[in-house]
């Protein structure tokens, strides 16, 4: 397989907006799946926390993507490559202190259509990163991002980290298989002094996602469908109004990932899986989400029902008390604040998407990071507090 191509390299350390115990200041951090929705926001948040960021992705961001519009394509080191390229991942880890493994096929319908590629990327890709991590002499901390969809159906009860895994469908099974591989590497990683963990998050709600049903053969995300329709002046179509999901603001999830890595050297955090979800742990009905998005957008537009589509879960609910108790993490935003800031992003994006320019969304992205950090600081959440130390910390110098 061809080695990755370095496309840009301009590391910067902008003003600190989130401290994370000051762990990231001056650290070199690698993000796989960097041009994706969460990958983009993670790169931005890492920069804001003082990290020098490298991103790898098989696909470059489109001109209208948040990755390009945020200016990241010019402000971080970007490598185009495959996470199954062991030599390339090993080379990147040799130049970084920590990593976040996000690269994956993430659309459930897309995974059904391409099951073999799903297992290659989601499961074998994770195994490749694990092996490179095992062999690395520099990288000491790593986070493997999976999903709350790894859990078995549980009616209306909340999923907790000790629940059994494996649902159905290539996406969920490939991620659960990845977790089994991570568990299999556990002993050798711990023995070699590595710090690692697994992060499982709920449904992401954040600006920058363009996976609408019109772009994905009917397999889009509900909130993206809503904003796409509203931008076009139409009524959003909701396929399964009564289904519930743990919709979580994307920057809250990103803060969870970064908190977990920053505190990995503390016991009993190393090697653990953590859920990251919303204040509304019981889940939110799709109909309620769509109604609130329409209200926030304005103009008296209302959603309409569509033809139901097959989905593996009717109800989903996610418990994140473990993250609160061991990491000092909690979501800074309620659902309403998440919708508000997502709407701010999409309204800004709607004005520039027809004539996109690199960096055009930089100011609004930065403003949304600041707003979120300020809310977390007001709530006294660990990662955003200037003196973000904890009485139980016995952190090693890593």
Protein backbone atom coordinates (compact mmCIF):
# COMPACT_ATOMS: atom_id res chain seq x y z
CA UNK A 1 0.00 0.00 0.00
CA UNK A 2 1.31 3.44 -0.85
CA UNK A 3 2.61 5.53 2.01
CA UNK A 4 0.60 8.53 3.16
CA UNK A 5 1.06 11.90 1.54
CA UNK A 6 1.78 14.95 3.70
CA UNK A 7 -0.42 17.74 2.36
CA UNK A 8 0.17 20.57 4.80
CA UNK A 9 2.15 21.25 7.93
CA UNK A 10 1.72 24.47 9.87
CA UNK A 11 1.44 23.64 13.59
CA UNK A 12 0.11 26.48 15.72
CA UNK A 13 -0.64 26.95 19.40
CA UNK A 14 -3.56 29.39 19.69
CA UNK A 15 -4.98 30.96 22.81
CA UNK A 16 -5.92 28.45 25.52
CA UNK A 17 -9.67 28.00 25.87
CA UNK A 18 -9.71 24.77 27.85
CA UNK A 19 -7.04 23.61 30.24
CA UNK A 20 -7.50 19.84 30.75
CA UNK A 21 -5.03 20.10 33.62
CA UNK A 22 -2.72 21.75 31.06
CA UNK A 23 -1.87 18.28 29.75
CA UNK A 24 -2.05 19.22 26.05
CA UNK A 25 0.11 22.34 26.07
CA UNK A 26 3.03 21.60 23.78
CA UNK A 27 2.03 17.94 23.34
CA UNK A 28 2.01 16.34 19.90
CA UNK A 29 -1.36 14.69 19.27
CA UNK A 30 -2.45 12.44 16.38
CA UNK A 31 -6.08 12.22 15.24
CA UNK A 32 -7.20 9.47 12.86
CA UNK A 33 -10.32 10.26 10.87
CA UNK A 34 -9.34 13.90 11.19
CA UNK A 35 -11.49 15.30 8.37
CA UNK A 36 -14.71 13.79 9.74
CA UNK A 37 -17.27 15.66 11.82
CA UNK A 38 -15.90 14.77 15.25
CA UNK A 39 -12.33 14.60 13.96
CA UNK A 40 -12.51 18.22 12.82
CA UNK A 41 -13.86 19.51 16.12
CA UNK A 42 -11.33 17.40 18.03
CA UNK A 43 -8.46 18.91 16.04
CA UNK A 44 -9.82 22.40 16.74
CA UNK A 45 -10.24 21.69 20.46
CA UNK A 46 -6.76 20.17 20.73
CA UNK A 47 -5.28 23.27 19.12
CA UNK A 48 -7.23 25.45 21.52
CA UNK A 49 -5.79 23.47 24.44
CA UNK A 50 -2.25 24.05 23.19
CA UNK A 51 -1.52 20.82 21.31
CA UNK A 52 0.46 20.45 18.08
CA UNK A 53 -1.88 18.37 15.94
CA UNK A 54 -1.37 15.85 13.15
CA UNK A 55 -4.40 14.46 11.35
CA UNK A 56 -4.67 11.42 9.10
CA UNK A 57 -7.59 10.50 6.88
CA UNK A 58 -8.11 8.45 3.77
CA UNK A 59 -10.31 11.18 2.29
CA UNK A 60 -9.64 14.90 2.18
CA UNK A 61 -12.31 17.28 3.32
CA UNK A 62 -14.58 18.65 0.62
CA UNK A 63 -14.41 22.42 -0.04
CA UNK A 64 -17.68 22.84 1.89
CA UNK A 65 -16.58 20.66 4.84
CA UNK A 66 -15.95 22.14 8.25
CA UNK A 67 -12.42 20.74 8.10
CA UNK A 68 -11.52 22.95 5.14
CA UNK A 69 -13.75 25.89 6.09
CA UNK A 70 -12.28 25.93 9.61
CA UNK A 71 -8.81 26.43 8.18
CA UNK A 72 -7.46 23.17 9.61
CA UNK A 73 -6.21 22.10 6.18
CA UNK A 74 -3.66 24.91 6.49
CA UNK A 75 -3.04 24.97 10.25
CA UNK A 76 -2.22 21.36 11.16
CA UNK A 77 -0.09 18.62 9.64
CA UNK A 78 -2.42 16.64 7.38
CA UNK A 79 -1.54 13.17 6.13
CA UNK A 80 -3.62 11.35 3.54
CA UNK A 81 -3.39 7.64 4.27
CA UNK A 82 -5.02 4.40 5.42
CA UNK A 83 -5.22 3.39 9.07
CA UNK A 84 -4.43 -0.16 7.95
CA UNK A 85 -0.97 0.97 6.81
CA UNK A 86 1.06 -0.28 9.80
CA UNK A 87 4.29 1.39 8.72
CA UNK A 88 2.59 4.76 8.24
CA UNK A 89 0.74 4.64 11.56
CA UNK A 90 3.94 3.57 13.29
CA UNK A 91 5.81 6.49 11.74
CA UNK A 92 3.13 8.93 12.88
CA UNK A 93 3.05 7.56 16.43
CA UNK A 94 6.84 7.92 16.61
CA UNK A 95 6.30 11.68 16.28
CA UNK A 96 3.35 12.03 18.68
CA UNK A 97 2.80 11.79 22.43
CA UNK A 98 -0.83 10.68 22.29
CA UNK A 99 -3.47 9.73 19.76
CA UNK A 100 -7.23 9.59 19.25
CA UNK A 101 -8.44 6.83 16.94
CA UNK A 102 -11.68 7.99 15.29
CA UNK A 103 -11.24 6.68 11.73
CA UNK A 104 -14.25 4.54 10.82
CA UNK A 105 -17.17 3.94 8.53
CA UNK A 106 -19.86 5.52 10.66
CA UNK A 107 -23.14 5.53 8.72
CA UNK A 108 -25.23 2.47 9.60
CA UNK A 109 -26.78 2.17 6.13
CA UNK A 110 -23.42 2.63 4.40
CA UNK A 111 -21.99 -0.14 6.57
CA UNK A 112 -24.82 -2.49 5.53
CA UNK A 113 -24.06 -1.84 1.88
CA UNK A 114 -20.31 -2.27 2.38
CA UNK A 115 -19.93 -4.85 5.17
CA UNK A 116 -16.46 -6.13 4.24
CA UNK A 117 -15.04 -2.62 4.03
CA UNK A 118 -16.71 -1.85 7.35
CA UNK A 119 -14.88 -4.71 9.06
CA UNK A 120 -11.65 -3.82 7.31
CA UNK A 121 -11.73 -0.21 8.51
CA UNK A 122 -13.53 -0.44 11.84
CA UNK A 123 -12.09 -3.71 13.17
CA UNK A 124 -8.83 -4.38 11.34
CA UNK A 125 -8.00 -0.67 11.34
CA UNK A 126 -8.26 -0.67 15.13
CA UNK A 127 -6.02 -3.74 15.32
CA UNK A 128 -3.44 -1.98 13.14
CA UNK A 129 -3.43 1.10 15.36
CA UNK A 130 -3.15 -1.12 18.45
CA UNK A 131 -0.12 -2.92 17.01
CA UNK A 132 1.56 0.35 16.05
CA UNK A 133 0.85 1.65 19.56
CA UNK A 134 2.34 -1.49 21.11
CA UNK A 135 5.53 -1.05 19.10
CA UNK A 136 5.81 2.73 19.57
CA UNK A 137 8.60 4.02 21.76
CA UNK A 138 7.14 7.54 22.00
CA UNK A 139 3.34 7.47 22.08
CA UNK A 140 2.23 6.60 25.62
CA UNK A 141 -1.47 7.44 25.61
CA UNK A 142 -4.19 6.48 23.18
CA UNK A 143 -7.99 6.59 22.98
CA UNK A 144 -10.08 4.24 20.87
CA UNK A 145 -13.44 5.73 19.97
CA UNK A 146 -16.22 3.21 19.40
CA UNK A 147 -19.95 3.89 19.94
CA UNK A 148 -22.85 3.27 22.28
CA UNK A 149 -24.29 1.07 19.51
CA UNK A 150 -21.95 -1.73 20.65
CA UNK A 151 -24.43 -2.53 23.44
CA UNK A 152 -27.17 -5.10 23.14
CA UNK A 153 -30.75 -3.76 23.05
CA UNK A 154 -31.96 -2.97 26.56
CA UNK A 155 -35.50 -1.67 26.17
CA UNK A 156 -35.75 1.69 27.96
CA UNK A 157 -33.04 1.03 30.55
CA UNK A 158 -29.83 3.03 30.35
CA UNK A 159 -26.71 1.39 29.01
CA UNK A 160 -23.81 1.21 31.47
CA UNK A 161 -20.22 0.28 30.74
CA UNK A 162 -20.55 -3.20 32.26
CA UNK A 163 -23.44 -4.20 29.99
CA UNK A 164 -22.78 -7.00 27.46
CA UNK A 165 -21.80 -5.94 23.95
CA UNK A 166 -22.84 -7.02 20.44
CA UNK A 167 -26.02 -5.86 18.79
CA UNK A 168 -26.54 -6.56 15.09
CA UNK A 169 -25.47 -5.11 11.77
CA UNK A 170 -21.96 -4.49 10.39
CA UNK A 171 -21.52 -1.09 12.06
CA UNK A 172 -22.36 -2.22 15.60
CA UNK A 173 -20.67 -5.62 15.27
CA UNK A 174 -17.49 -4.19 13.71
CA UNK A 175 -17.19 -1.75 16.60
CA UNK A 176 -17.88 -4.44 19.20
CA UNK A 177 -15.28 -6.65 17.50
CA UNK A 178 -12.84 -3.75 17.70
CA UNK A 179 -13.45 -3.59 21.44
CA UNK A 180 -12.72 -7.29 21.73
CA UNK A 181 -9.42 -6.76 19.94
CA UNK A 182 -8.61 -3.86 22.28
CA UNK A 183 -9.35 -6.10 25.26
CA UNK A 184 -7.10 -8.78 23.80
CA UNK A 185 -4.23 -6.26 23.60
CA UNK A 186 -4.91 -5.06 27.13
CA UNK A 187 -2.30 -7.04 29.03
CA UNK A 188 0.60 -6.37 26.67
CA UNK A 189 -0.25 -2.66 26.58
CA UNK A 190 -0.41 -2.40 30.36
CA UNK A 191 2.81 -4.37 30.74
CA UNK A 192 4.64 -2.01 28.39
CA UNK A 193 3.57 1.06 30.36
CA UNK A 194 1.00 2.28 27.86
CA UNK A 195 -2.10 4.21 28.86
CA UNK A 196 -5.26 3.67 26.83
CA UNK A 197 -9.03 3.60 26.97
CA UNK A 198 -12.28 3.20 25.05
CA UNK A 199 -14.85 5.96 24.57
CA UNK A 200 -18.51 5.23 23.77
CA UNK A 201 -20.67 8.22 22.93
CA UNK A 202 -24.30 8.84 22.14
CA UNK A 203 -25.72 10.37 18.95
CA UNK A 204 -23.68 13.44 18.06
CA UNK A 205 -25.44 16.78 17.57
CA UNK A 206 -23.09 19.49 16.30
CA UNK A 207 -22.50 21.83 13.39
CA UNK A 208 -20.38 20.57 10.52
CA UNK A 209 -22.18 17.33 9.75
CA UNK A 210 -23.37 17.10 6.13
CA UNK A 211 -24.63 13.50 6.21
CA UNK A 212 -28.21 14.21 5.23
CA UNK A 213 -30.57 11.61 3.78
CA UNK A 214 -30.45 13.33 0.39
CA UNK A 215 -26.69 12.82 0.33
CA UNK A 216 -26.67 9.24 1.66
CA UNK A 217 -29.49 7.43 -0.13
CA UNK A 218 -31.93 7.95 2.73
CA UNK A 219 -29.50 7.03 5.51
CA UNK A 220 -28.82 10.50 6.87
CA UNK A 221 -28.88 11.84 10.39
CA UNK A 222 -32.10 13.39 11.58
CA UNK A 223 -30.73 16.72 12.73
CA UNK A 224 -28.78 17.18 9.48
CA UNK A 225 -31.96 16.44 7.53
CA UNK A 226 -33.72 19.09 9.60
CA UNK A 227 -31.13 21.80 8.97
CA UNK A 228 -30.82 20.93 5.28
CA UNK A 229 -34.59 21.28 4.80
CA UNK A 230 -34.77 24.48 6.82
CA UNK A 231 -31.92 26.04 4.84
CA UNK A 232 -33.83 25.20 1.66
CA UNK A 233 -37.05 26.64 3.09
CA UNK A 234 -38.80 23.27 3.32
CA UNK A 235 -40.29 21.09 6.06
CA UNK A 236 -38.01 18.40 7.56
CA UNK A 237 -39.15 14.82 7.06
CA UNK A 238 -38.83 12.56 10.10
CA UNK A 239 -38.80 8.81 9.50
CA UNK A 240 -39.23 7.45 13.05
CA UNK A 241 -40.70 10.23 15.24
CA UNK A 242 -41.22 8.08 18.35
CA UNK A 243 -37.72 6.56 18.43
CA UNK A 244 -35.49 7.91 21.19
CA UNK A 245 -31.77 8.65 21.08
CA UNK A 246 -29.18 10.06 23.53
CA UNK A 247 -28.48 13.19 21.48
CA UNK A 248 -25.28 14.76 22.83
CA UNK A 249 -23.60 18.02 21.88
CA UNK A 250 -20.48 17.21 19.90
CA UNK A 251 -18.18 19.49 21.89
CA UNK A 252 -19.28 17.79 25.12
CA UNK A 253 -18.25 14.46 23.60
CA UNK A 254 -14.92 15.91 22.41
CA UNK A 255 -14.29 17.28 25.90
CA UNK A 256 -14.96 13.78 27.23
CA UNK A 257 -12.39 12.25 24.89
CA UNK A 258 -9.78 14.82 25.83
CA UNK A 259 -10.50 14.49 29.53
CA UNK A 260 -10.11 10.72 29.39
CA UNK A 261 -6.69 10.96 27.72
CA UNK A 262 -5.52 13.77 30.00
CA UNK A 263 -6.33 11.71 33.11
CA UNK A 264 -5.27 8.26 31.91
CA UNK A 265 -2.30 8.01 34.24
CA UNK A 266 -4.63 8.06 37.24
CA UNK A 267 -6.04 4.89 38.72
CA UNK A 268 -8.51 3.34 38.03
CA UNK A 269 -8.89 5.09 34.65
CA UNK A 270 -6.26 3.32 32.55
CA UNK A 271 -7.65 0.63 30.25
CA UNK A 272 -11.27 1.52 31.01
CA UNK A 273 -14.30 2.21 28.81
CA UNK A 274 -16.38 5.34 29.44
CA UNK A 275 -19.80 6.44 28.21
CA UNK A 276 -20.27 10.08 27.20
CA UNK A 277 -23.86 11.20 26.84
CA UNK A 278 -26.31 14.06 27.37
CA UNK A 279 -28.03 15.50 30.43
CA UNK A 280 -31.17 13.80 29.13
CA UNK A 281 -29.86 10.31 29.89
CA UNK A 282 -33.19 8.66 29.14
CA UNK A 283 -32.99 9.74 25.50
CA UNK A 284 -34.94 12.23 23.43
CA UNK A 285 -37.68 11.36 20.92
CA UNK A 286 -36.87 12.24 17.32
CA UNK A 287 -40.12 14.20 17.11
CA UNK A 288 -39.16 16.37 20.07
CA UNK A 289 -35.70 17.02 18.61
CA UNK A 290 -37.16 18.02 15.24
CA UNK A 291 -39.74 20.30 16.87
CA UNK A 292 -37.09 22.15 18.87
CA UNK A 293 -34.81 22.52 15.85
CA UNK A 294 -37.67 24.05 13.86
CA UNK A 295 -38.50 26.41 16.74
CA UNK A 296 -34.87 27.50 17.09
CA UNK A 297 -34.58 28.13 13.37
CA UNK A 298 -37.69 30.32 13.31
CA UNK A 299 -40.23 30.97 10.57
CA UNK A 300 -43.01 28.71 11.90
CA UNK A 301 -41.83 25.72 9.84
CA UNK A 302 -42.95 22.32 11.15
CA UNK A 303 -41.62 18.84 10.43
CA UNK A 304 -43.65 16.16 8.69
CA UNK A 305 -43.70 12.38 8.98
CA UNK A 306 -41.96 10.18 6.44
CA UNK A 307 -41.91 6.50 5.53
CA UNK A 308 -40.39 4.62 8.52
CA UNK A 309 -37.01 3.02 7.89
CA UNK A 310 -35.54 -0.05 9.54
CA UNK A 311 -33.33 0.78 12.53
CA UNK A 312 -31.71 -1.59 15.04
CA UNK A 313 -32.87 0.28 18.16
CA UNK A 314 -36.23 1.82 18.96
CA UNK A 315 -35.12 3.22 22.30
CA UNK A 316 -31.65 4.18 23.44
CA UNK A 317 -30.54 5.61 26.78
CA UNK A 318 -26.99 6.16 28.00
CA UNK A 319 -25.65 6.38 31.55
CA UNK A 320 -22.45 8.40 32.06
CA UNK A 321 -22.15 8.39 35.85
CA UNK A 322 -18.81 6.59 35.61
CA UNK A 323 -17.37 9.52 33.65
CA UNK A 324 -18.75 11.94 36.25
CA UNK A 325 -17.35 9.97 39.18
CA UNK A 326 -13.90 9.08 37.83
CA UNK A 327 -13.17 11.82 35.29
CA UNK A 328 -15.04 14.79 36.70
CA UNK A 329 -16.77 15.08 33.31
CA UNK A 330 -20.35 16.02 32.58
CA UNK A 331 -22.06 17.67 29.61
CA UNK A 332 -21.89 21.44 29.71
CA UNK A 333 -24.89 21.86 27.40
CA UNK A 334 -28.49 20.79 27.61
CA UNK A 335 -30.27 19.68 24.45
CA UNK A 336 -31.61 23.20 23.94
CA UNK A 337 -28.18 24.80 24.13
CA UNK A 338 -26.83 22.15 21.75
CA UNK A 339 -29.58 22.91 19.22
CA UNK A 340 -28.98 26.66 19.62
CA UNK A 341 -25.27 26.44 18.81
CA UNK A 342 -25.77 23.90 16.03
CA UNK A 343 -28.28 26.28 14.44
CA UNK A 344 -25.77 29.12 14.72
CA UNK A 345 -23.25 27.03 12.78
CA UNK A 346 -25.67 25.96 10.03
CA UNK A 347 -27.01 29.47 9.52
CA UNK A 348 -23.47 30.76 9.04
CA UNK A 349 -22.58 27.84 6.78
CA UNK A 350 -25.68 28.45 4.65
CA UNK A 351 -24.37 31.90 3.72
CA UNK A 352 -20.97 30.70 2.45
CA UNK A 353 -21.49 27.17 1.14
CA UNK A 354 -22.19 28.29 -2.45
CA UNK A 355 -18.84 30.11 -2.61
CA UNK A 356 -16.71 28.27 -0.04
CA UNK A 357 -13.33 29.65 0.93
CA UNK A 358 -10.71 27.95 3.09
CA UNK A 359 -10.96 29.30 6.64
CA UNK A 360 -14.34 30.98 6.12
CA UNK A 361 -15.83 29.23 9.20
CA UNK A 362 -12.79 29.74 11.40
CA UNK A 363 -14.25 32.64 13.38
CA UNK A 364 -17.60 30.97 14.09
CA UNK A 365 -15.92 27.65 14.99
CA UNK A 366 -13.65 29.43 17.43
CA UNK A 367 -16.57 31.37 18.90
CA UNK A 368 -18.54 28.15 19.46
CA UNK A 369 -15.53 26.58 21.20
CA UNK A 370 -15.29 29.62 23.47
CA UNK A 371 -19.02 29.59 24.27
CA UNK A 372 -18.88 25.92 25.21
CA UNK A 373 -15.73 26.32 27.33
CA UNK A 374 -17.30 29.28 29.14
CA UNK A 375 -20.41 27.24 29.97
CA UNK A 376 -18.26 24.38 31.27
CA UNK A 377 -16.21 26.80 33.37
CA UNK A 378 -19.34 28.30 34.92
CA UNK A 379 -20.46 24.78 35.88
CA UNK A 380 -17.05 24.00 37.38
CA UNK A 381 -16.45 21.01 35.07
CA UNK A 382 -12.94 19.63 35.53
CA UNK A 383 -11.55 20.19 32.03
CA UNK A 384 -12.51 23.85 31.83
CA UNK A 385 -11.44 25.00 35.29
CA UNK A 386 -8.13 26.88 35.31
CA UNK A 387 -6.86 25.04 38.37
CA UNK A 388 -8.09 21.71 37.07
CA UNK A 389 -6.42 19.49 39.61
CA UNK A 390 -8.16 16.79 41.61
CA UNK A 391 -7.43 15.70 45.21
CA UNK A 392 -7.02 12.08 44.10
CA UNK A 393 -4.61 12.76 41.25
CA UNK A 394 -1.32 10.90 41.36
CA UNK A 395 -0.43 11.60 37.76
CA UNK A 396 2.85 10.34 36.40
CA UNK A 397 5.02 12.51 34.17
CA UNK A 398 4.13 11.17 30.76
